[in-house]
Amino acid sequence: MGALWMLVAGLLFAGMGVCVKFGSPQFSTAELVFYRSFFGLFIVYAMLHRQKASLATPHWRGHLWRGLTGTVAMMLFFYCIATLPLATAITLNYTSSLFLTILTIVVYKDKFHLPLTSSLALGFVGVVVLLHPTLEREQFVSGLLGLMSGFLAGFAILNVRQLGLLGEPAVRVVFYFNLVATIFSGGWMMSGEIHAVAWSDLPLLLALGASATFAQLAMTRAYRIGQTQVVSALAYSTIVFSALFGLFFWQESLSASAWLGIALIIASGMLSLRLAPTHTQAGK
């Protein structure tokens, strides 16, 4: 069942990307992040209320850091979705697993070893292959921003792991992430032009918030009940779904070199997650 839940999460995350790409001609990146977080906040709050779970937490600093890093990562990610082929943008964001491995080793003062170092190097070779020569010159900056979104997403995932080791429930973590993202993106949105929301826009914005929130919850459940290695591998199904959606909706076809880069990044991510040391206590 864990594998099935991760496939559901992969499909929903790809669906979120589709919503972002459809909404980007009408709304700014800050607006899309705000609506995604705002509607997601209500969904998660309703779940917390139904479960009669408390919002009180002694780990507010951890939630704040997770929220800020995750929000900036999401803003860069949404911008890249609007400017790059969908599968390319999502692949760059999924370099988070590579950065997560590096950050984990640095934070917990572990040692690099040859197999792990080789797997990480493989992933960054894949990034180079994906970014050049498949991207046009004017898209190269977007590619670098996508890579930065992967780095910040890795930082956010590390914070989520630490919060989990401290005993924070997954739904509470998702709630505070949406809360911080709503406030931060709302402030950024207010500093620029705000586009009017027509009744015809509501289904898209609701779908954006719902797909992202339920994808997070499905992914959390997958890791909770499934085998970690299997679930981690199936997380990359988002890239496959995104490629299919990009081809269907926007006729986005990737070159052979782009697919080679994607394959190297996926292989590297799976290997690095398998080879990286594990920790069972926060901060140790």
Protein backbone atom coordinates (compact mmCIF):
# COMPACT_ATOMS: atom_id res chain seq x y z
CA MET A 1 0.00 0.00 0.00
CA GLY A 2 2.91 2.33 0.64
CA ALA A 3 3.94 2.12 -3.02
CA LEU A 4 0.38 2.89 -4.14
CA TRP A 5 0.19 5.94 -1.86
CA MET A 6 3.46 7.27 -3.30
CA LEU A 7 2.16 6.84 -6.85
CA VAL A 8 -0.92 8.82 -5.81
CA ALA A 9 1.36 11.50 -4.35
CA GLY A 10 3.43 11.55 -7.55
CA LEU A 11 0.33 12.03 -9.68
CA LEU A 12 -0.97 14.80 -7.40
CA PHE A 13 2.36 16.64 -7.33
CA ALA A 14 2.44 16.52 -11.13
CA GLY A 15 -1.15 17.78 -11.14
CA MET A 16 -0.06 20.68 -8.94
CA GLY A 17 2.57 21.53 -11.56
CA VAL A 18 -0.09 21.49 -14.26
CA CYS A 19 -2.22 23.93 -12.22
CA VAL A 20 0.75 26.24 -11.74
CA LYS A 21 1.56 26.24 -15.45
CA PHE A 22 -2.06 26.93 -16.40
CA GLY A 23 -2.29 29.71 -13.81
CA SER A 24 1.03 31.42 -14.56
CA PRO A 25 -0.22 33.57 -17.50
CA GLN A 26 -2.90 35.07 -15.22
CA PHE A 27 -1.21 35.22 -11.81
CA SER A 28 2.25 36.06 -10.49
CA THR A 29 4.44 33.49 -8.73
CA ALA A 30 3.71 35.08 -5.34
CA GLU A 31 -0.04 34.92 -6.01
CA LEU A 32 0.10 31.24 -7.01
CA VAL A 33 2.11 30.36 -3.89
CA PHE A 34 -0.36 32.33 -1.77
CA TYR A 35 -3.47 30.64 -3.19
CA ARG A 36 -1.84 27.20 -3.03
CA SER A 37 -0.96 27.76 0.65
CA PHE A 38 -4.16 29.60 1.62
CA PHE A 39 -6.55 26.94 0.34
CA GLY A 40 -4.25 24.19 1.64
CA LEU A 41 -4.32 25.83 5.08
CA PHE A 42 -8.10 25.45 5.31
CA ILE A 43 -7.96 21.82 4.19
CA VAL A 44 -5.36 20.88 6.81
CA TYR A 45 -7.10 22.89 9.54
CA ALA A 46 -10.31 20.99 8.84
CA MET A 47 -8.40 17.71 9.20
CA LEU A 48 -6.84 18.85 12.48
CA HIS A 49 -10.24 19.91 13.79
CA ARG A 50 -11.76 16.57 12.84
CA GLN A 51 -8.94 14.71 14.59
CA LYS A 52 -9.23 17.08 17.59
CA ALA A 53 -5.47 17.60 17.35
CA SER A 54 -3.77 20.49 19.12
CA LEU A 55 -1.89 23.22 17.30
CA ALA A 56 0.27 23.93 20.35
CA THR A 57 3.92 23.14 19.79
CA PRO A 58 7.18 23.79 21.66
CA HIS A 59 9.12 23.58 18.39
CA TRP A 60 7.97 26.79 16.73
CA ARG A 61 11.50 27.68 15.57
CA GLY A 62 11.71 24.42 13.63
CA HIS A 63 8.33 25.09 12.02
CA LEU A 64 9.40 28.64 11.17
CA TRP A 65 12.62 27.54 9.47
CA ARG A 66 10.82 24.74 7.63
CA GLY A 67 8.17 27.22 6.51
CA LEU A 68 10.58 29.90 5.30
CA THR A 69 12.94 27.57 3.42
CA GLY A 70 10.02 25.64 1.96
CA THR A 71 8.22 28.82 0.88
CA VAL A 72 11.22 30.32 -0.92
CA ALA A 73 11.89 26.93 -2.54
CA MET A 74 8.28 26.78 -3.69
CA MET A 75 8.42 30.30 -5.13
CA LEU A 76 11.51 29.46 -7.17
CA PHE A 77 9.92 26.17 -8.19
CA PHE A 78 6.69 27.79 -9.36
CA TYR A 79 8.65 30.39 -11.33
CA CYS A 80 10.59 27.62 -13.08
CA ILE A 81 7.40 25.71 -13.89
CA ALA A 82 6.13 28.84 -15.65
CA THR A 83 9.30 29.31 -17.70
CA LEU A 84 10.66 25.79 -18.33
CA PRO A 85 9.22 22.51 -19.63
CA LEU A 86 7.24 20.95 -16.78
CA ALA A 87 9.36 17.79 -16.48
CA THR A 88 12.60 19.82 -16.49
CA ALA A 89 11.41 22.16 -13.72
CA ILE A 90 10.27 19.26 -11.55
CA THR A 91 13.48 17.30 -12.13
CA LEU A 92 15.59 20.27 -11.00
CA ASN A 93 13.44 20.59 -7.88
CA TYR A 94 13.96 16.88 -7.21
CA THR A 95 17.69 17.45 -6.82
CA SER A 96 16.54 18.10 -3.24
CA SER A 97 17.46 14.47 -2.44
CA LEU A 98 21.08 15.15 -3.42
CA PHE A 99 21.26 18.33 -1.36
CA LEU A 100 19.46 16.60 1.52
CA THR A 101 22.18 13.95 1.63
CA ILE A 102 24.92 16.58 1.69
CA LEU A 103 23.14 18.68 4.34
CA THR A 104 22.50 15.62 6.52
CA ILE A 105 26.19 14.70 6.44
CA VAL A 106 27.23 18.27 7.29
CA VAL A 107 24.67 18.75 10.10
CA TYR A 108 25.33 15.38 11.74
CA LYS A 109 29.10 15.54 11.07
CA ASP A 110 29.17 12.24 9.19
CA LYS A 111 31.93 11.27 6.80
CA PHE A 112 31.71 11.14 3.02
CA HIS A 113 32.79 7.84 1.49
CA LEU A 114 33.63 6.93 -2.09
CA PRO A 115 30.34 5.21 -3.10
CA LEU A 116 28.26 8.08 -1.70
CA THR A 117 30.51 10.75 -3.19
CA SER A 118 30.35 9.00 -6.57
CA SER A 119 26.55 8.83 -6.47
CA LEU A 120 26.31 12.55 -5.66
CA ALA A 121 28.76 13.40 -8.46
CA LEU A 122 26.61 11.36 -10.85
CA GLY A 123 23.62 13.50 -9.98
CA PHE A 124 25.39 16.77 -10.64
CA VAL A 125 26.69 15.42 -13.95
CA GLY A 126 23.02 14.79 -14.73
CA VAL A 127 22.22 18.41 -13.87
CA VAL A 128 24.89 19.65 -16.29
CA VAL A 129 23.59 17.35 -19.05
CA LEU A 130 20.02 18.51 -18.42
CA LEU A 131 20.87 22.22 -18.38
CA HIS A 132 23.18 22.19 -21.40
CA PRO A 133 22.54 22.19 -24.26
CA THR A 134 18.82 21.46 -23.82
CA LEU A 135 17.98 24.89 -22.42
CA GLU A 136 18.10 28.03 -24.50
CA ARG A 137 20.37 30.80 -23.27
CA GLU A 138 17.45 32.84 -21.90
CA GLN A 139 16.25 29.79 -19.93
CA PHE A 140 19.59 29.07 -18.29
CA VAL A 141 18.94 31.45 -15.37
CA SER A 142 15.61 29.70 -14.79
CA GLY A 143 17.51 26.41 -14.69
CA LEU A 144 19.87 27.73 -12.02
CA LEU A 145 16.91 29.01 -10.01
CA GLY A 146 15.38 25.54 -10.30
CA LEU A 147 18.58 24.09 -8.89
CA MET A 148 18.39 26.60 -6.03
CA SER A 149 14.81 25.48 -5.37
CA GLY A 150 16.14 21.94 -5.02
CA PHE A 151 18.76 23.08 -2.50
CA LEU A 152 16.21 24.94 -0.37
CA ALA A 153 13.75 22.04 -0.66
CA GLY A 154 16.48 19.73 0.67
CA PHE A 155 16.95 22.10 3.60
CA ALA A 156 13.19 22.10 4.23
CA ILE A 157 13.03 18.28 4.14
CA LEU A 158 15.87 18.12 6.67
CA ASN A 159 13.81 20.37 8.95
CA VAL A 160 10.79 18.11 8.46
CA ARG A 161 12.84 15.06 9.43
CA GLN A 162 14.10 16.79 12.55
CA LEU A 163 10.55 17.81 13.51
CA GLY A 164 9.44 14.21 13.00
CA LEU A 165 12.21 12.95 15.28
CA LEU A 166 11.03 15.46 17.88
CA GLY A 167 7.57 13.89 17.75
CA GLU A 168 5.69 16.49 15.72
CA PRO A 169 2.66 14.98 13.88
CA ALA A 170 2.79 15.21 10.10
CA VAL A 171 -0.51 17.10 9.83
CA ARG A 172 0.73 19.77 12.25
CA VAL A 173 3.93 20.16 10.24
CA VAL A 174 1.93 20.61 7.03
CA PHE A 175 -0.40 23.10 8.78
CA TYR A 176 2.40 25.37 9.98
CA PHE A 177 4.13 25.17 6.61
CA ASN A 178 0.96 26.38 4.91
CA LEU A 179 0.53 29.09 7.55
CA VAL A 180 4.06 30.47 7.11
CA ALA A 181 3.80 30.20 3.32
CA THR A 182 0.45 32.04 3.32
CA ILE A 183 1.79 34.92 5.42
CA PHE A 184 5.13 35.21 3.60
CA SER A 185 3.73 34.96 0.07
CA GLY A 186 0.79 37.19 1.01
CA GLY A 187 3.18 39.94 2.08
CA TRP A 188 5.17 39.56 -1.14
CA MET A 189 1.97 39.56 -3.18
CA MET A 190 0.77 42.80 -1.54
CA SER A 191 4.00 44.55 -2.58
CA GLY A 192 3.18 44.12 -6.27
CA GLU A 193 0.22 44.08 -8.61
CA ILE A 194 -2.68 41.92 -7.46
CA HIS A 195 -4.72 40.36 -10.25
CA ALA A 196 -8.46 40.03 -9.81
CA VAL A 197 -9.77 36.51 -9.24
CA ALA A 198 -12.78 35.69 -11.41
CA TRP A 199 -15.28 32.97 -10.52
CA SER A 200 -13.88 30.97 -13.43
CA ASP A 201 -10.43 31.03 -11.77
CA LEU A 202 -11.60 29.45 -8.51
CA PRO A 203 -11.65 25.81 -9.71
CA LEU A 204 -8.02 26.09 -10.81
CA LEU A 205 -6.88 27.75 -7.57
CA LEU A 206 -8.81 25.27 -5.44
CA ALA A 207 -7.32 22.40 -7.43
CA LEU A 208 -3.85 23.89 -6.89
CA GLY A 209 -4.26 23.99 -3.12
CA ALA A 210 -5.99 20.61 -2.88
CA SER A 211 -3.56 18.72 -5.12
CA ALA A 212 -0.51 20.04 -3.25
CA THR A 213 -1.96 19.39 0.21
CA PHE A 214 -3.28 15.90 -0.50
CA ALA A 215 0.00 15.05 -2.27
CA GLN A 216 1.92 15.98 0.90
CA LEU A 217 -0.40 13.87 3.04
CA ALA A 218 -0.26 10.90 0.63
CA MET A 219 3.53 11.08 0.60
CA THR A 220 3.64 11.17 4.41
CA ARG A 221 1.40 8.11 4.60
CA ALA A 222 3.50 6.30 2.00
CA TYR A 223 6.68 6.74 4.05
CA ARG A 224 4.85 5.75 7.21
CA ILE A 225 3.48 2.39 6.00
CA GLY A 226 5.74 1.47 3.07
CA GLN A 227 9.32 0.31 2.63
CA THR A 228 11.51 3.40 2.55
CA GLN A 229 13.64 2.38 -0.44
CA VAL A 230 10.63 1.42 -2.57
CA VAL A 231 8.72 4.55 -1.64
CA SER A 232 11.75 6.79 -2.26
CA ALA A 233 12.20 5.30 -5.72
CA LEU A 234 8.54 5.78 -6.62
CA ALA A 235 8.71 9.43 -5.54
CA TYR A 236 10.36 10.07 -8.91
CA SER A 237 7.14 8.98 -10.63
CA THR A 238 6.23 12.69 -10.45
CA ILE A 239 8.78 13.35 -13.21
CA VAL A 240 7.22 10.71 -15.47
CA PHE A 241 3.68 12.01 -14.85
CA SER A 242 4.90 15.57 -15.48
CA ALA A 243 6.51 14.60 -18.78
CA LEU A 244 3.25 13.00 -19.90
CA PHE A 245 1.19 16.03 -18.81
CA GLY A 246 3.66 18.41 -20.50
CA LEU A 247 3.44 16.45 -23.74
CA PHE A 248 -0.37 16.25 -23.61
CA PHE A 249 -1.19 19.86 -22.66
CA TRP A 250 1.72 21.88 -24.15
CA GLN A 251 3.36 19.47 -26.63
CA GLU A 252 6.59 19.65 -24.62
CA SER A 253 9.00 17.02 -25.89
CA LEU A 254 12.43 16.59 -24.31
CA SER A 255 15.59 15.70 -26.21
CA ALA A 256 17.52 12.49 -25.69
CA SER A 257 20.22 14.38 -23.75
CA ALA A 258 17.56 15.85 -21.45
CA TRP A 259 16.20 12.39 -20.70
CA LEU A 260 19.75 11.19 -20.05
CA GLY A 261 20.22 14.00 -17.54
CA ILE A 262 16.91 13.16 -15.86
CA ALA A 263 17.87 9.47 -15.65
CA LEU A 264 21.24 10.33 -14.06
CA ILE A 265 19.56 12.60 -11.48
CA ILE A 266 16.99 9.93 -10.60
CA ALA A 267 19.64 7.21 -10.30
CA SER A 268 21.84 9.46 -8.18
CA GLY A 269 18.96 10.42 -5.90
CA MET A 270 18.02 6.81 -5.30
CA LEU A 271 21.63 5.78 -4.65
CA SER A 272 22.41 8.70 -2.35
CA LEU A 273 19.30 8.06 -0.25
CA ARG A 274 20.30 4.42 0.04
CA LEU A 275 23.95 5.11 0.89
CA ALA A 276 23.44 8.09 3.21
CA PRO A 277 23.71 7.41 6.98
CA THR A 278 20.47 7.38 8.96
CA HIS A 279 19.72 9.06 12.27
CA THR A 280 17.08 8.24 14.84
CA GLN A 281 17.43 11.25 17.14
CA ALA A 282 17.17 14.93 16.35
CA GLY A 283 20.53 16.60 16.34
CA LYS A 284 22.46 13.31 16.64
